Amino acid sequence: MKRWITLLMISVLLAGCGTKFVYHHIDWFVLEYLDDYVTLTDQQESLVKTQIHALSQWHQSEELNNYIVQFDELLELNPKTLTLEQLQQHRDWIYQHYQSLVTRIFPSIYPLANDLSDKQVEEFMQAMAKRHQKYSDKYAGLNENETRAKYQERITERMEQWLGELNNEQQQFVKLWARSLQITTDDWIVFQTIQRNEIKSLLEERNNKAEFNQKLYKLLYSQEESYSPVFKAKLNYNQQTSNEYILNIVHLSTPKQIKHFKETIYEWRNLVRDLYMIDS
């Protein structure tokens, strides 16, 4: 469900002319995404289109400029002197963007859920279980070294999105980073089961607006309450560890990597600016 809500914001972060197409046809992409989970009737599809259109209008007029402001702040950063406070500030801003979307779309979820049949709910839950099983299968049978190798691969991909190809010293930090993290794959699998049960309980209340919205609010705004104390501790540790290694790697940025970082931000900023100017 969180992925459905963030589709609109994710589309803005895709590079190239294709993003403009996605942005201006977001209703179609949302429907394609929902189709992976549940088969909607024509009336339900029309309802989704109406809600997405209203969300898009708001996003274009009120949110895009906030992204431009953050991109401008990023362009002012010097990677070689990046501080923990600056890193956390930008994480907080991204979270605020997400919260704005959640708050805006929150009232639109009940009418669609209320219109779902028992058969559609069952179809949705089966599709979610299948999606979660794919995550479980991805790590099934892997030993610790193999799991950490996957962590290392993912870390490298994410860092190179920002900096381009990493040098040898930075790659050594990535290896240390992957070795230092506490493995959370089993914890995520347990949480996904809890999440499915919470969503099932939510949809069972789809004819009771007050109860539905109360459970939906917890699901969207207080997801962490469903984490076990051990899982929370692991996530906090991993976040602090990741902060340390991000700073170490970024502080080693070469002039070429800094250029790559700036160009990436410029591309995103110009894309959002074009969307904002066209739709203002």
C-alpha atoms as a PDB file:
ATOM      1  CA  MET A   1       0.000   0.000   0.000  1.00  0.00           C
ATOM      2  CA  LYS A   2       2.834   2.388   0.781  1.00  0.00           C
ATOM      3  CA  ARG A   3       4.295   1.700  -2.673  1.00  0.00           C
ATOM      4  CA  TRP A   4       0.962   2.674  -4.258  1.00  0.00           C
ATOM      5  CA  ILE A   5       0.973   5.973  -2.379  1.00  0.00           C
ATOM      6  CA  THR A   6       4.550   6.835  -3.308  1.00  0.00           C
ATOM      7  CA  LEU A   7       4.205   6.035  -7.023  1.00  0.00           C
ATOM      8  CA  LEU A   8       3.592   9.672  -7.903  1.00  0.00           C
ATOM      9  CA  MET A   9       6.682  10.900  -6.081  1.00  0.00           C
ATOM     10  CA  ILE A  10       8.848   8.095  -7.460  1.00  0.00           C
ATOM     11  CA  SER A  11       7.855   9.056 -10.985  1.00  0.00           C
ATOM     12  CA  VAL A  12       9.377  12.493 -10.457  1.00  0.00           C
ATOM     13  CA  LEU A  13      12.715  10.902  -9.612  1.00  0.00           C
ATOM     14  CA  LEU A  14      13.005   8.987 -12.878  1.00  0.00           C
ATOM     15  CA  ALA A  15      15.438  10.491 -15.339  1.00  0.00           C
ATOM     16  CA  GLY A  16      14.701  11.500 -18.916  1.00  0.00           C
ATOM     17  CA  CYS A  17      11.766  12.500 -21.067  1.00  0.00           C
ATOM     18  CA  GLY A  18       9.982   9.289 -20.088  1.00  0.00           C
ATOM     19  CA  THR A  19       9.322  10.789 -16.673  1.00  0.00           C
ATOM     20  CA  LYS A  20       7.177  13.542 -18.148  1.00  0.00           C
ATOM     21  CA  PHE A  21       5.096  10.897 -19.878  1.00  0.00           C
ATOM     22  CA  VAL A  22       4.727   8.962 -16.605  1.00  0.00           C
ATOM     23  CA  TYR A  23       3.887  12.094 -14.669  1.00  0.00           C
ATOM     24  CA  HIS A  24       1.163  13.201 -17.051  1.00  0.00           C
ATOM     25  CA  HIS A  25      -0.275   9.674 -17.354  1.00  0.00           C
ATOM     26  CA  ILE A  26       0.129   8.667 -13.720  1.00  0.00           C
ATOM     27  CA  ASP A  27      -3.461   7.421 -13.529  1.00  0.00           C
ATOM     28  CA  TRP A  28      -2.678   4.794 -16.164  1.00  0.00           C
ATOM     29  CA  PHE A  29       0.508   3.684 -14.364  1.00  0.00           C
ATOM     30  CA  VAL A  30      -1.293   3.470 -11.013  1.00  0.00           C
ATOM     31  CA  LEU A  31      -4.013   1.351 -12.596  1.00  0.00           C
ATOM     32  CA  GLU A  32      -1.372  -0.907 -14.149  1.00  0.00           C
ATOM     33  CA  TYR A  33       0.255  -1.276 -10.734  1.00  0.00           C
ATOM     34  CA  LEU A  34      -3.059  -1.994  -9.011  1.00  0.00           C
ATOM     35  CA  ASP A  35      -3.853  -4.545 -11.693  1.00  0.00           C
ATOM     36  CA  ASP A  36      -0.990  -6.651 -10.322  1.00  0.00           C
ATOM     37  CA  TYR A  37      -2.977  -6.921  -7.083  1.00  0.00           C
ATOM     38  CA  VAL A  38      -6.674  -6.748  -7.908  1.00  0.00           C
ATOM     39  CA  THR A  39      -8.975  -6.695 -10.926  1.00  0.00           C
ATOM     40  CA  LEU A  40     -11.028  -3.504 -10.746  1.00  0.00           C
ATOM     41  CA  THR A  41     -14.397  -2.877 -12.333  1.00  0.00           C
ATOM     42  CA  ASP A  42     -14.838  -0.042 -14.830  1.00  0.00           C
ATOM     43  CA  GLN A  43     -16.555   1.998 -12.135  1.00  0.00           C
ATOM     44  CA  GLN A  44     -13.684   1.438  -9.708  1.00  0.00           C
ATOM     45  CA  GLU A  45     -11.128   2.376 -12.349  1.00  0.00           C
ATOM     46  CA  SER A  46     -13.048   5.586 -12.986  1.00  0.00           C
ATOM     47  CA  LEU A  47     -12.965   6.357  -9.256  1.00  0.00           C
ATOM     48  CA  VAL A  48      -9.181   5.801  -9.139  1.00  0.00           C
ATOM     49  CA  LYS A  49      -8.676   8.076 -12.164  1.00  0.00           C
ATOM     50  CA  THR A  50     -10.731  10.843 -10.564  1.00  0.00           C
ATOM     51  CA  GLN A  51      -8.789  10.613  -7.304  1.00  0.00           C
ATOM     52  CA  ILE A  52      -5.405  10.484  -9.033  1.00  0.00           C
ATOM     53  CA  HIS A  53      -6.313  13.480 -11.198  1.00  0.00           C
ATOM     54  CA  ALA A  54      -7.130  15.533  -8.092  1.00  0.00           C
ATOM     55  CA  LEU A  55      -3.896  14.383  -6.436  1.00  0.00           C
ATOM     56  CA  SER A  56      -1.884  15.290  -9.539  1.00  0.00           C
ATOM     57  CA  GLN A  57      -3.369  18.779  -9.683  1.00  0.00           C
ATOM     58  CA  TRP A  58      -2.450  19.380  -6.054  1.00  0.00           C
ATOM     59  CA  HIS A  59       1.018  17.892  -6.533  1.00  0.00           C
ATOM     60  CA  GLN A  60       1.753  20.076  -9.543  1.00  0.00           C
ATOM     61  CA  SER A  61       0.601  23.291  -7.916  1.00  0.00           C
ATOM     62  CA  GLU A  62       1.889  22.825  -4.358  1.00  0.00           C
ATOM     63  CA  GLU A  63       4.548  20.125  -4.120  1.00  0.00           C
ATOM     64  CA  LEU A  64       6.862  20.362  -7.127  1.00  0.00           C
ATOM     65  CA  ASN A  65       8.330  23.650  -5.982  1.00  0.00           C
ATOM     66  CA  ASN A  66       9.252  22.034  -2.644  1.00  0.00           C
ATOM     67  CA  TYR A  67      11.325  19.501  -4.569  1.00  0.00           C
ATOM     68  CA  ILE A  68      13.100  22.298  -6.421  1.00  0.00           C
ATOM     69  CA  VAL A  69      13.970  23.937  -3.095  1.00  0.00           C
ATOM     70  CA  GLN A  70      15.530  20.715  -1.844  1.00  0.00           C
ATOM     71  CA  PHE A  71      17.465  20.192  -5.070  1.00  0.00           C
ATOM     72  CA  ASP A  72      18.852  23.713  -4.738  1.00  0.00           C
ATOM     73  CA  GLU A  73      20.003  22.867  -1.219  1.00  0.00           C
ATOM     74  CA  LEU A  74      21.655  19.700  -2.487  1.00  0.00           C
ATOM     75  CA  LEU A  75      23.492  21.665  -5.151  1.00  0.00           C
ATOM     76  CA  GLU A  76      24.970  23.855  -2.427  1.00  0.00           C
ATOM     77  CA  LEU A  77      26.438  20.862  -0.622  1.00  0.00           C
ATOM     78  CA  ASN A  78      30.122  20.058  -0.794  1.00  0.00           C
ATOM     79  CA  PRO A  79      30.328  16.234  -0.660  1.00  0.00           C
ATOM     80  CA  LYS A  80      33.819  16.366   0.826  1.00  0.00           C
ATOM     81  CA  THR A  81      32.526  18.272   3.866  1.00  0.00           C
ATOM     82  CA  LEU A  82      29.073  16.686   4.182  1.00  0.00           C
ATOM     83  CA  THR A  83      27.982  16.505   7.821  1.00  0.00           C
ATOM     84  CA  LEU A  84      25.683  14.100   9.617  1.00  0.00           C
ATOM     85  CA  GLU A  85      23.303  16.990  10.288  1.00  0.00           C
ATOM     86  CA  GLN A  86      23.062  17.808   6.578  1.00  0.00           C
ATOM     87  CA  LEU A  87      22.507  14.169   5.700  1.00  0.00           C
ATOM     88  CA  GLN A  88      19.709  13.870   8.253  1.00  0.00           C
ATOM     89  CA  GLN A  89      18.149  17.138   7.133  1.00  0.00           C
ATOM     90  CA  HIS A  90      17.670  15.839   3.607  1.00  0.00           C
ATOM     91  CA  ARG A  91      16.304  12.539   4.881  1.00  0.00           C
ATOM     92  CA  ASP A  92      13.806  14.514   6.952  1.00  0.00           C
ATOM     93  CA  TRP A  93      12.755  16.543   3.911  1.00  0.00           C
ATOM     94  CA  ILE A  94      12.169  13.404   1.861  1.00  0.00           C
ATOM     95  CA  TYR A  95      10.063  12.019   4.698  1.00  0.00           C
ATOM     96  CA  GLN A  96       8.076  15.258   4.752  1.00  0.00           C
ATOM     97  CA  HIS A  97       7.389  14.882   1.016  1.00  0.00           C
ATOM     98  CA  TYR A  98       6.063  11.391   1.690  1.00  0.00           C
ATOM     99  CA  GLN A  99       3.957  12.560   4.626  1.00  0.00           C
ATOM    100  CA  SER A 100       2.403  15.284   2.481  1.00  0.00           C
ATOM    101  CA  LEU A 101       1.387  12.695  -0.093  1.00  0.00           C
ATOM    102  CA  VAL A 102      -0.007  10.349   2.554  1.00  0.00           C
ATOM    103  CA  THR A 103      -2.023  13.132   4.159  1.00  0.00           C
ATOM    104  CA  ARG A 104      -3.414  14.216   0.812  1.00  0.00           C
ATOM    105  CA  ILE A 105      -4.382  10.748  -0.384  1.00  0.00           C
ATOM    106  CA  PHE A 106      -5.637   9.429   2.973  1.00  0.00           C
ATOM    107  CA  PRO A 107      -9.320  10.446   2.456  1.00  0.00           C
ATOM    108  CA  SER A 108      -9.351   8.852  -1.010  1.00  0.00           C
ATOM    109  CA  ILE A 109      -8.531   5.317   0.115  1.00  0.00           C
ATOM    110  CA  TYR A 110     -11.759   4.510   1.970  1.00  0.00           C
ATOM    111  CA  PRO A 111     -14.157   5.026  -0.984  1.00  0.00           C
ATOM    112  CA  LEU A 112     -12.188   2.556  -3.104  1.00  0.00           C
ATOM    113  CA  ALA A 113     -11.772   0.007  -0.301  1.00  0.00           C
ATOM    114  CA  ASN A 114     -15.457   0.309   0.554  1.00  0.00           C
ATOM    115  CA  ASP A 115     -16.341  -0.663  -3.015  1.00  0.00           C
ATOM    116  CA  LEU A 116     -14.251  -3.852  -3.041  1.00  0.00           C
ATOM    117  CA  SER A 117     -16.047  -7.177  -3.090  1.00  0.00           C
ATOM    118  CA  ASP A 118     -15.032 -10.137  -0.922  1.00  0.00           C
ATOM    119  CA  LYS A 119     -13.608 -11.771  -4.037  1.00  0.00           C
ATOM    120  CA  GLN A 120     -11.478  -8.698  -4.788  1.00  0.00           C
ATOM    121  CA  VAL A 121     -10.204  -8.568  -1.214  1.00  0.00           C
ATOM    122  CA  GLU A 122      -9.169 -12.208  -1.428  1.00  0.00           C
ATOM    123  CA  GLU A 123      -7.464 -11.571  -4.763  1.00  0.00           C
ATOM    124  CA  PHE A 124      -5.607  -8.591  -3.269  1.00  0.00           C
ATOM    125  CA  MET A 125      -4.416 -10.556  -0.234  1.00  0.00           C
ATOM    126  CA  GLN A 126      -3.225 -13.474  -2.372  1.00  0.00           C
ATOM    127  CA  ALA A 127      -1.278 -11.113  -4.618  1.00  0.00           C
ATOM    128  CA  MET A 128       0.342  -9.458  -1.609  1.00  0.00           C
ATOM    129  CA  ALA A 129       1.311 -12.835  -0.157  1.00  0.00           C
ATOM    130  CA  LYS A 130       2.830 -13.781  -3.517  1.00  0.00           C
ATOM    131  CA  ARG A 131       4.833 -10.521  -3.610  1.00  0.00           C
ATOM    132  CA  HIS A 132       6.115 -11.109  -0.092  1.00  0.00           C
ATOM    133  CA  GLN A 133       7.014 -14.697  -0.967  1.00  0.00           C
ATOM    134  CA  LYS A 134       9.260 -13.390  -3.751  1.00  0.00           C
ATOM    135  CA  TYR A 135      11.237 -11.433  -1.149  1.00  0.00           C
ATOM    136  CA  SER A 136      11.471 -14.520   1.064  1.00  0.00           C
ATOM    137  CA  ASP A 137      12.604 -16.692  -1.851  1.00  0.00           C
ATOM    138  CA  LYS A 138      15.286 -14.129  -2.761  1.00  0.00           C
ATOM    139  CA  TYR A 139      17.108 -14.803   0.507  1.00  0.00           C
ATOM    140  CA  ALA A 140      16.021 -18.402   1.155  1.00  0.00           C
ATOM    141  CA  GLY A 141      18.937 -20.771   1.619  1.00  0.00           C
ATOM    142  CA  LEU A 142      21.573 -18.023   1.597  1.00  0.00           C
ATOM    143  CA  ASN A 143      24.262 -18.189   4.256  1.00  0.00           C
ATOM    144  CA  GLU A 144      25.513 -15.072   6.033  1.00  0.00           C
ATOM    145  CA  ASN A 145      28.310 -14.375   3.540  1.00  0.00           C
ATOM    146  CA  GLU A 146      25.937 -14.683   0.599  1.00  0.00           C
ATOM    147  CA  THR A 147      23.417 -12.359   2.241  1.00  0.00           C
ATOM    148  CA  ARG A 148      26.123  -9.791   2.953  1.00  0.00           C
ATOM    149  CA  ALA A 149      27.253 -10.051  -0.672  1.00  0.00           C
ATOM    150  CA  LYS A 150      23.731  -8.995  -1.686  1.00  0.00           C
ATOM    151  CA  TYR A 151      23.909  -6.123   0.794  1.00  0.00           C
ATOM    152  CA  GLN A 152      27.234  -5.055  -0.708  1.00  0.00           C
ATOM    153  CA  GLU A 153      25.833  -5.161  -4.227  1.00  0.00           C
ATOM    154  CA  ARG A 154      22.828  -3.036  -3.264  1.00  0.00           C
ATOM    155  CA  ILE A 155      24.979  -0.507  -1.383  1.00  0.00           C
ATOM    156  CA  THR A 156      27.324  -0.169  -4.357  1.00  0.00           C
ATOM    157  CA  GLU A 157      24.443   0.428  -6.763  1.00  0.00           C
ATOM    158  CA  ARG A 158      22.947   3.128  -4.554  1.00  0.00           C
ATOM    159  CA  MET A 159      26.219   4.936  -3.954  1.00  0.00           C
ATOM    160  CA  GLU A 160      27.128   4.847  -7.646  1.00  0.00           C
ATOM    161  CA  GLN A 161      23.784   6.415  -8.524  1.00  0.00           C
ATOM    162  CA  TRP A 162      25.026   9.486  -6.666  1.00  0.00           C
ATOM    163  CA  LEU A 163      28.761   9.396  -7.289  1.00  0.00           C
ATOM    164  CA  GLY A 164      29.382   7.283 -10.350  1.00  0.00           C
ATOM    165  CA  GLU A 165      31.975   4.505 -10.250  1.00  0.00           C
ATOM    166  CA  LEU A 166      33.569   4.082  -6.821  1.00  0.00           C
ATOM    167  CA  ASN A 167      37.343   4.014  -6.406  1.00  0.00           C
ATOM    168  CA  ASN A 168      39.223   1.258  -4.588  1.00  0.00           C
ATOM    169  CA  GLU A 169      39.248   2.999  -1.214  1.00  0.00           C
ATOM    170  CA  GLN A 170      35.519   3.673  -1.394  1.00  0.00           C
ATOM    171  CA  GLN A 171      34.881   0.049  -2.390  1.00  0.00           C
ATOM    172  CA  GLN A 172      36.758  -1.084   0.706  1.00  0.00           C
ATOM    173  CA  PHE A 173      34.429   1.036   2.835  1.00  0.00           C
ATOM    174  CA  VAL A 174      31.443  -0.554   1.082  1.00  0.00           C
ATOM    175  CA  LYS A 175      32.767  -4.009   2.000  1.00  0.00           C
ATOM    176  CA  LEU A 176      33.225  -2.953   5.630  1.00  0.00           C
ATOM    177  CA  TRP A 177      29.758  -1.394   5.591  1.00  0.00           C
ATOM    178  CA  ALA A 178      28.123  -4.616   4.361  1.00  0.00           C
ATOM    179  CA  ARG A 179      30.029  -6.645   6.961  1.00  0.00           C
ATOM    180  CA  SER A 180      29.043  -4.288   9.765  1.00  0.00           C
ATOM    181  CA  LEU A 181      25.282  -4.325   9.192  1.00  0.00           C
ATOM    182  CA  GLN A 182      23.047  -6.547  11.255  1.00  0.00           C
ATOM    183  CA  ILE A 183      21.136  -8.906   8.980  1.00  0.00           C
ATOM    184  CA  THR A 184      17.408  -8.145   8.969  1.00  0.00           C
ATOM    185  CA  THR A 185      16.019 -10.378   6.207  1.00  0.00           C
ATOM    186  CA  ASP A 186      14.226 -12.718   8.643  1.00  0.00           C
ATOM    187  CA  ASP A 187      12.892  -9.720  10.562  1.00  0.00           C
ATOM    188  CA  TRP A 188      11.439  -8.239   7.368  1.00  0.00           C
ATOM    189  CA  ILE A 189       9.792 -11.563   6.499  1.00  0.00           C
ATOM    190  CA  VAL A 190       8.154 -11.668   9.950  1.00  0.00           C
ATOM    191  CA  PHE A 191       7.058  -8.046   9.595  1.00  0.00           C
ATOM    192  CA  GLN A 192       5.557  -8.694   6.163  1.00  0.00           C
ATOM    193  CA  THR A 193       3.382 -11.414   7.704  1.00  0.00           C
ATOM    194  CA  ILE A 194       2.267  -8.978  10.407  1.00  0.00           C
ATOM    195  CA  GLN A 195       1.607  -6.345   7.763  1.00  0.00           C
ATOM    196  CA  ARG A 196      -0.574  -8.706   5.725  1.00  0.00           C
ATOM    197  CA  ASN A 197      -2.609  -9.520   8.823  1.00  0.00           C
ATOM    198  CA  GLU A 198      -3.042  -5.806   9.556  1.00  0.00           C
ATOM    199  CA  ILE A 199      -4.152  -5.088   5.989  1.00  0.00           C
ATOM    200  CA  LYS A 200      -6.561  -8.027   6.096  1.00  0.00           C
ATOM    201  CA  SER A 201      -8.012  -6.654   9.331  1.00  0.00           C
ATOM    202  CA  LEU A 202      -8.200  -3.212   7.725  1.00  0.00           C
ATOM    203  CA  LEU A 203     -10.117  -4.476   4.708  1.00  0.00           C
ATOM    204  CA  GLU A 204     -12.496  -6.433   6.926  1.00  0.00           C
ATOM    205  CA  GLU A 205     -13.584  -3.025   8.250  1.00  0.00           C
ATOM    206  CA  ARG A 206     -14.075  -1.512   4.799  1.00  0.00           C
ATOM    207  CA  ASN A 207     -17.796  -0.990   5.490  1.00  0.00           C
ATOM    208  CA  ASN A 208     -17.081   0.838   8.729  1.00  0.00           C
ATOM    209  CA  LYS A 209     -15.535   4.182   7.838  1.00  0.00           C
ATOM    210  CA  ALA A 210     -14.478   5.233  11.361  1.00  0.00           C
ATOM    211  CA  GLU A 211     -12.859   1.889  12.185  1.00  0.00           C
ATOM    212  CA  PHE A 212     -11.268   1.632   8.728  1.00  0.00           C
ATOM    213  CA  ASN A 213      -9.697   5.085   8.900  1.00  0.00           C
ATOM    214  CA  GLN A 214      -8.408   4.450  12.422  1.00  0.00           C
ATOM    215  CA  LYS A 215      -6.607   1.297  11.309  1.00  0.00           C
ATOM    216  CA  LEU A 216      -5.459   2.940   8.074  1.00  0.00           C
ATOM    217  CA  TYR A 217      -3.954   5.842  10.033  1.00  0.00           C
ATOM    218  CA  LYS A 218      -1.908   3.423  12.149  1.00  0.00           C
ATOM    219  CA  LEU A 219      -0.819   1.494   9.070  1.00  0.00           C
ATOM    220  CA  LEU A 220       0.386   4.595   7.202  1.00  0.00           C
ATOM    221  CA  TYR A 221       1.719   6.774  10.014  1.00  0.00           C
ATOM    222  CA  SER A 222       2.799   4.336  12.732  1.00  0.00           C
ATOM    223  CA  GLN A 223       4.157   1.332  10.876  1.00  0.00           C
ATOM    224  CA  GLU A 224       7.106   1.128  13.265  1.00  0.00           C
ATOM    225  CA  GLU A 225       4.753   0.145  16.098  1.00  0.00           C
ATOM    226  CA  SER A 226       4.532  -3.284  14.468  1.00  0.00           C
ATOM    227  CA  TYR A 227       8.309  -3.791  14.638  1.00  0.00           C
ATOM    228  CA  SER A 228       9.569  -6.031  17.433  1.00  0.00           C
ATOM    229  CA  PRO A 229      11.999  -4.436  19.940  1.00  0.00           C
ATOM    230  CA  VAL A 230      14.822  -6.535  18.467  1.00  0.00           C
ATOM    231  CA  PHE A 231      13.952  -5.447  14.923  1.00  0.00           C
ATOM    232  CA  LYS A 232      13.830  -1.783  15.978  1.00  0.00           C
ATOM    233  CA  ALA A 233      17.231  -2.087  17.626  1.00  0.00           C
ATOM    234  CA  LYS A 234      18.710  -3.646  14.482  1.00  0.00           C
ATOM    235  CA  LEU A 235      17.268  -0.911  12.266  1.00  0.00           C
ATOM    236  CA  ASN A 236      18.563   1.847  14.536  1.00  0.00           C
ATOM    237  CA  TYR A 237      21.999   0.263  14.631  1.00  0.00           C
ATOM    238  CA  ASN A 238      22.075  -0.173  10.864  1.00  0.00           C
ATOM    239  CA  GLN A 239      20.997   3.437  10.334  1.00  0.00           C
ATOM    240  CA  GLN A 240      23.778   4.777  12.537  1.00  0.00           C
ATOM    241  CA  THR A 241      26.303   2.451  10.911  1.00  0.00           C
ATOM    242  CA  SER A 242      25.159   3.472   7.422  1.00  0.00           C
ATOM    243  CA  ASN A 243      25.486   7.165   8.311  1.00  0.00           C
ATOM    244  CA  GLU A 244      29.101   6.608   9.314  1.00  0.00           C
ATOM    245  CA  TYR A 245      30.012   4.796   6.100  1.00  0.00           C
ATOM    246  CA  ILE A 246      28.094   7.181   3.849  1.00  0.00           C
ATOM    247  CA  LEU A 247      30.108  10.073   5.238  1.00  0.00           C
ATOM    248  CA  ASN A 248      33.384   8.139   4.883  1.00  0.00           C
ATOM    249  CA  ILE A 249      32.666   7.302   1.246  1.00  0.00           C
ATOM    250  CA  VAL A 250      31.331  10.717   0.289  1.00  0.00           C
ATOM    251  CA  HIS A 251      34.261  12.507   1.919  1.00  0.00           C
ATOM    252  CA  LEU A 252      36.541  10.583  -0.457  1.00  0.00           C
ATOM    253  CA  SER A 253      34.746  11.975  -3.505  1.00  0.00           C
ATOM    254  CA  THR A 254      36.952  12.761  -6.478  1.00  0.00           C
ATOM    255  CA  PRO A 255      36.389  15.845  -8.661  1.00  0.00           C
ATOM    256  CA  LYS A 256      34.841  13.529 -11.270  1.00  0.00           C
ATOM    257  CA  GLN A 257      32.430  12.097  -8.698  1.00  0.00           C
ATOM    258  CA  ILE A 258      31.455  15.537  -7.438  1.00  0.00           C
ATOM    259  CA  LYS A 259      30.748  16.529 -11.030  1.00  0.00           C
ATOM    260  CA  HIS A 260      28.603  13.398 -11.426  1.00  0.00           C
ATOM    261  CA  PHE A 261      26.702  14.264  -8.230  1.00  0.00           C
ATOM    262  CA  LYS A 262      26.020  17.832  -9.349  1.00  0.00           C
ATOM    263  CA  GLU A 263      24.963  16.777 -12.840  1.00  0.00           C
ATOM    264  CA  THR A 264      22.561  14.197 -11.397  1.00  0.00           C
ATOM    265  CA  ILE A 265      20.934  16.777  -9.142  1.00  0.00           C
ATOM    266  CA  TYR A 266      20.759  19.282 -12.020  1.00  0.00           C
ATOM    267  CA  GLU A 267      18.982  16.719 -14.193  1.00  0.00           C
ATOM    268  CA  TRP A 268      16.381  16.044 -11.523  1.00  0.00           C
ATOM    269  CA  ARG A 269      15.985  19.724 -10.741  1.00  0.00           C
ATOM    270  CA  ASN A 270      15.532  20.701 -14.384  1.00  0.00           C
ATOM    271  CA  LEU A 271      13.029  17.921 -14.887  1.00  0.00           C
ATOM    272  CA  VAL A 272      10.916  19.035 -11.926  1.00  0.00           C
ATOM    273  CA  ARG A 273      11.268  22.689 -12.953  1.00  0.00           C
ATOM    274  CA  ASP A 274       9.962  21.877 -16.431  1.00  0.00           C
ATOM    275  CA  LEU A 275       7.008  20.006 -14.979  1.00  0.00           C
ATOM    276  CA  TYR A 276       6.313  22.830 -12.564  1.00  0.00           C
ATOM    277  CA  MET A 277       6.504  25.545 -15.234  1.00  0.00           C
ATOM    278  CA  ILE A 278       4.368  23.610 -17.693  1.00  0.00           C
ATOM    279  CA  ASP A 279       1.681  22.877 -15.173  1.00  0.00           C
ATOM    280  CA  SER A 280       1.655  26.180 -13.269  1.00  0.00           C
END
